[in-house]
Amino acid sequence: MTAQDTLDRLWSDPVNWKQSGVYHCAADPRLMVLKREGVGYTINTAHPRSWALLGGLVVVSLAPLFLHLALGRRAPSWLLLVMLLWPIAIAVITLVWLGRRDS
């Protein structure tokens, strides 16, 4: 049995999938796996770095809000555009990276 067969068996096992579609398998070394239903990837919540990744995504998403609250009316007008585009840019870069990683 090859390593890929083992990973496929772990991914296919319904025990490793929660009802909400969350993948949780400590034996699987991958941080992200293909979703079971739908298109895209999901995070292996049993992976040691998964919660750091989720926390990082929350920080990146909330950074514009905290920056706006900190600067208030003193913020330059161009900063609003940057704050709105920052999370979108991070999401696009991540999706492109994931798409190229599998091809």
C-alpha atoms as a PDB file:
ATOM      1  CA  MET A   1       0.000   0.000   0.000  1.00  0.00           C
ATOM      2  CA  THR A   2       1.487   3.355  -1.041  1.00  0.00           C
ATOM      3  CA  ALA A   3       1.446   6.540   0.989  1.00  0.00           C
ATOM      4  CA  GLN A   4      -1.140   8.039  -1.366  1.00  0.00           C
ATOM      5  CA  ASP A   5      -3.407   5.019  -0.860  1.00  0.00           C
ATOM      6  CA  THR A   6      -3.144   5.488   2.901  1.00  0.00           C
ATOM      7  CA  LEU A   7      -4.042   9.191   2.607  1.00  0.00           C
ATOM      8  CA  ASP A   8      -6.974   8.354   0.319  1.00  0.00           C
ATOM      9  CA  ARG A   9      -8.215   5.743   2.804  1.00  0.00           C
ATOM     10  CA  LEU A  10      -8.023   8.253   5.667  1.00  0.00           C
ATOM     11  CA  TRP A  11      -9.831  10.898   3.606  1.00  0.00           C
ATOM     12  CA  SER A  12     -12.558   8.422   2.584  1.00  0.00           C
ATOM     13  CA  ASP A  13     -13.249   7.204   6.119  1.00  0.00           C
ATOM     14  CA  PRO A  14     -16.528   8.772   7.358  1.00  0.00           C
ATOM     15  CA  VAL A  15     -15.227   8.694  10.954  1.00  0.00           C
ATOM     16  CA  ASN A  16     -12.787  11.507  10.049  1.00  0.00           C
ATOM     17  CA  TRP A  17     -15.568  13.820   8.855  1.00  0.00           C
ATOM     18  CA  LYS A  18     -17.845  15.703  11.238  1.00  0.00           C
ATOM     19  CA  GLN A  19     -21.493  16.316  10.340  1.00  0.00           C
ATOM     20  CA  SER A  20     -20.739  19.929   9.439  1.00  0.00           C
ATOM     21  CA  GLY A  21     -18.192  18.850   6.797  1.00  0.00           C
ATOM     22  CA  VAL A  22     -15.128  19.479   8.962  1.00  0.00           C
ATOM     23  CA  TYR A  23     -12.201  17.121   8.433  1.00  0.00           C
ATOM     24  CA  HIS A  24     -10.513  15.981  11.667  1.00  0.00           C
ATOM     25  CA  CYS A  25      -7.882  13.265  11.287  1.00  0.00           C
ATOM     26  CA  ALA A  26      -4.729  13.242  13.421  1.00  0.00           C
ATOM     27  CA  ALA A  27      -3.205  10.437  11.329  1.00  0.00           C
ATOM     28  CA  ASP A  28      -3.344  12.570   8.164  1.00  0.00           C
ATOM     29  CA  PRO A  29      -0.245  14.813   7.877  1.00  0.00           C
ATOM     30  CA  ARG A  30      -1.860  17.209   5.375  1.00  0.00           C
ATOM     31  CA  LEU A  31      -2.914  20.652   6.574  1.00  0.00           C
ATOM     32  CA  MET A  32      -5.512  21.097   3.836  1.00  0.00           C
ATOM     33  CA  VAL A  33      -7.492  18.454   1.953  1.00  0.00           C
ATOM     34  CA  LEU A  34     -10.093  18.490  -0.783  1.00  0.00           C
ATOM     35  CA  LYS A  35     -13.620  18.988   0.458  1.00  0.00           C
ATOM     36  CA  ARG A  36     -15.790  15.940   0.529  1.00  0.00           C
ATOM     37  CA  GLU A  37     -18.718  17.812  -0.991  1.00  0.00           C
ATOM     38  CA  GLY A  38     -18.488  20.839  -3.203  1.00  0.00           C
ATOM     39  CA  VAL A  39     -15.435  22.523  -4.657  1.00  0.00           C
ATOM     40  CA  GLY A  40     -12.287  23.622  -2.867  1.00  0.00           C
ATOM     41  CA  TYR A  41     -10.325  22.734   0.209  1.00  0.00           C
ATOM     42  CA  THR A  42     -10.958  22.381   3.911  1.00  0.00           C
ATOM     43  CA  ILE A  43      -8.577  22.492   6.837  1.00  0.00           C
ATOM     44  CA  ASN A  44      -7.631  19.354   8.751  1.00  0.00           C
ATOM     45  CA  THR A  45      -8.511  20.595  12.244  1.00  0.00           C
ATOM     46  CA  ALA A  46      -6.401  17.850  13.856  1.00  0.00           C
ATOM     47  CA  HIS A  47      -3.222  19.206  12.244  1.00  0.00           C
ATOM     48  CA  PRO A  48      -1.036  21.096  14.771  1.00  0.00           C
ATOM     49  CA  ARG A  49      -0.801  24.220  12.569  1.00  0.00           C
ATOM     50  CA  SER A  50      -4.488  24.394  11.627  1.00  0.00           C
ATOM     51  CA  TRP A  51      -5.537  26.662  14.477  1.00  0.00           C
ATOM     52  CA  ALA A  52      -2.604  29.006  13.811  1.00  0.00           C
ATOM     53  CA  LEU A  53      -3.752  29.248  10.183  1.00  0.00           C
ATOM     54  CA  LEU A  54      -7.337  29.962  11.201  1.00  0.00           C
ATOM     55  CA  GLY A  55      -6.167  32.571  13.718  1.00  0.00           C
ATOM     56  CA  GLY A  56      -4.007  34.195  11.038  1.00  0.00           C
ATOM     57  CA  LEU A  57      -6.968  34.410   8.680  1.00  0.00           C
ATOM     58  CA  VAL A  58      -9.050  36.092  11.372  1.00  0.00           C
ATOM     59  CA  VAL A  59      -6.266  38.595  12.093  1.00  0.00           C
ATOM     60  CA  VAL A  60      -5.857  39.424   8.392  1.00  0.00           C
ATOM     61  CA  SER A  61      -9.610  39.853   8.035  1.00  0.00           C
ATOM     62  CA  LEU A  62      -9.981  42.093  11.086  1.00  0.00           C
ATOM     63  CA  ALA A  63      -6.803  44.164  10.603  1.00  0.00           C
ATOM     64  CA  PRO A  64      -8.533  46.796   8.410  1.00  0.00           C
ATOM     65  CA  LEU A  65     -11.278  47.269  11.000  1.00  0.00           C
ATOM     66  CA  PHE A  66      -8.826  47.754  13.860  1.00  0.00           C
ATOM     67  CA  LEU A  67      -6.694  50.104  11.759  1.00  0.00           C
ATOM     68  CA  HIS A  68      -9.738  52.179  10.920  1.00  0.00           C
ATOM     69  CA  LEU A  69     -10.807  52.329  14.558  1.00  0.00           C
ATOM     70  CA  ALA A  70      -7.298  53.311  15.640  1.00  0.00           C
ATOM     71  CA  LEU A  71      -6.874  56.125  13.096  1.00  0.00           C
ATOM     72  CA  GLY A  72     -10.463  57.377  12.925  1.00  0.00           C
ATOM     73  CA  ARG A  73     -10.857  60.657  11.022  1.00  0.00           C
ATOM     74  CA  ARG A  74      -7.087  61.129  10.825  1.00  0.00           C
ATOM     75  CA  ALA A  75      -6.778  58.311   8.287  1.00  0.00           C
ATOM     76  CA  PRO A  76      -5.833  59.337   4.740  1.00  0.00           C
ATOM     77  CA  SER A  77      -8.505  58.703   2.100  1.00  0.00           C
ATOM     78  CA  TRP A  78      -6.399  56.209   0.127  1.00  0.00           C
ATOM     79  CA  LEU A  79      -6.117  54.024   3.209  1.00  0.00           C
ATOM     80  CA  LEU A  80      -9.814  53.118   2.992  1.00  0.00           C
ATOM     81  CA  LEU A  81      -9.241  51.535  -0.417  1.00  0.00           C
ATOM     82  CA  VAL A  82      -6.225  49.616   0.872  1.00  0.00           C
ATOM     83  CA  MET A  83      -8.170  48.411   3.913  1.00  0.00           C
ATOM     84  CA  LEU A  84     -11.004  47.132   1.732  1.00  0.00           C
ATOM     85  CA  LEU A  85      -8.754  45.393  -0.793  1.00  0.00           C
ATOM     86  CA  TRP A  86      -6.346  43.789   1.705  1.00  0.00           C
ATOM     87  CA  PRO A  87      -8.522  40.776   2.667  1.00  0.00           C
ATOM     88  CA  ILE A  88      -9.583  40.259  -0.955  1.00  0.00           C
ATOM     89  CA  ALA A  89      -5.956  40.258  -2.118  1.00  0.00           C
ATOM     90  CA  ILE A  90      -4.959  37.734   0.554  1.00  0.00           C
ATOM     91  CA  ALA A  91      -7.859  35.461  -0.432  1.00  0.00           C
ATOM     92  CA  VAL A  92      -6.999  35.629  -4.149  1.00  0.00           C
ATOM     93  CA  ILE A  93      -3.297  34.952  -3.533  1.00  0.00           C
ATOM     94  CA  THR A  94      -4.178  31.965  -1.337  1.00  0.00           C
ATOM     95  CA  LEU A  95      -6.581  30.516  -3.916  1.00  0.00           C
ATOM     96  CA  VAL A  96      -4.061  30.910  -6.751  1.00  0.00           C
ATOM     97  CA  TRP A  97      -1.379  29.235  -4.640  1.00  0.00           C
ATOM     98  CA  LEU A  98      -3.675  26.318  -3.817  1.00  0.00           C
ATOM     99  CA  GLY A  99      -4.712  25.948  -7.447  1.00  0.00           C
ATOM    100  CA  ARG A 100      -1.117  25.804  -8.701  1.00  0.00           C
ATOM    101  CA  ARG A 101       0.016  23.519  -5.908  1.00  0.00           C
ATOM    102  CA  ASP A 102      -2.159  20.641  -7.169  1.00  0.00           C
ATOM    103  CA  SER A 103      -1.476  20.960 -10.885  1.00  0.00           C
END
